[in-house]
């Protein structure tokens, strides 16, 4: 599903980026261009990223927090 229509970023692309080591929203924004145009997708993109981090990286230490304050 498309998360960011302006830059054609899908939930699959976000999950893949997390699997490949993207651990901050700023890095995700830089790498994929998500939420760099109108910004309407930011909340959903952060949610997809947080879900991907908890699913794909279960070994992350407790207390890892995304930049917007959502726990990973």
Protein backbone atom coordinates (compact mmCIF):
# COMPACT_ATOMS: atom_id res chain seq x y z
CA UNK A 1 0.00 0.00 0.00
CA UNK A 2 1.20 3.51 -0.73
CA UNK A 3 2.06 5.51 2.37
CA UNK A 4 3.46 8.60 0.62
CA UNK A 5 1.75 9.26 -2.68
CA UNK A 6 3.84 12.37 -3.45
CA UNK A 7 7.04 10.30 -3.53
CA UNK A 8 5.60 6.84 -4.30
CA UNK A 9 6.73 5.27 -1.03
CA UNK A 10 5.04 2.04 0.00
CA UNK A 11 4.77 0.26 3.32
CA UNK A 12 6.96 -2.48 1.80
CA UNK A 13 9.70 0.06 1.06
CA UNK A 14 9.57 1.31 4.66
CA UNK A 15 9.77 -2.22 6.05
CA UNK A 16 12.67 -3.04 3.74
CA UNK A 17 14.52 0.12 4.83
CA UNK A 18 14.12 -0.90 8.49
CA UNK A 19 15.42 -4.40 7.73
CA UNK A 20 18.41 -2.79 6.04
CA UNK A 21 19.25 -0.69 9.08
CA UNK A 22 17.21 2.52 8.94
CA UNK A 23 16.45 3.32 12.58
CA UNK A 24 15.35 6.95 12.57
CA UNK A 25 12.57 8.75 10.78
CA UNK A 26 14.99 11.42 9.60
CA UNK A 27 17.09 8.73 7.93
CA UNK A 28 13.96 7.18 6.39
CA UNK A 29 12.92 10.58 5.08
CA UNK A 30 16.36 11.13 3.54
CA UNK A 31 16.59 7.66 1.99
CA UNK A 32 13.06 7.26 0.64
CA UNK A 33 11.77 10.82 0.41
CA UNK A 34 8.75 9.98 2.54
CA UNK A 35 7.03 13.06 3.99
CA UNK A 36 9.31 15.49 2.16
CA UNK A 37 6.60 17.14 0.05
CA UNK A 38 3.21 17.87 1.58
CA UNK A 39 3.81 16.01 4.87
CA UNK A 40 0.33 14.50 5.13
CA UNK A 41 1.75 10.99 5.29
CA UNK A 42 4.15 11.58 8.18
CA UNK A 43 1.96 10.18 10.95
CA UNK A 44 1.16 7.03 8.98
CA UNK A 45 4.77 6.60 7.82
CA UNK A 46 5.98 6.84 11.42
CA UNK A 47 3.38 4.27 12.44
CA UNK A 48 4.46 1.85 9.71
CA UNK A 49 8.08 2.37 10.70
CA UNK A 50 7.37 1.73 14.38
CA UNK A 51 5.48 -1.44 13.52
CA UNK A 52 8.30 -2.59 11.24
CA UNK A 53 10.89 -1.92 13.91
CA UNK A 54 9.00 -3.99 16.47
CA UNK A 55 8.34 -6.82 13.99
CA UNK A 56 11.60 -6.89 12.10
CA UNK A 57 14.01 -6.06 14.90
CA UNK A 58 12.70 -7.77 18.03
CA UNK A 59 16.19 -7.76 19.54
CA UNK A 60 16.35 -3.97 19.86
CA UNK A 61 17.07 -2.91 23.42
CA UNK A 62 14.10 -1.77 25.44
CA UNK A 63 13.68 1.98 25.43
CA UNK A 64 14.59 2.57 21.79
CA UNK A 65 12.38 5.46 20.80
CA UNK A 66 11.58 6.91 17.40
CA UNK A 67 12.20 10.65 17.07
CA UNK A 68 8.52 11.51 17.50
CA UNK A 69 8.32 9.73 20.84
CA UNK A 70 6.67 6.51 19.62
CA UNK A 71 8.29 3.49 21.26
CA UNK A 72 9.80 1.03 18.82
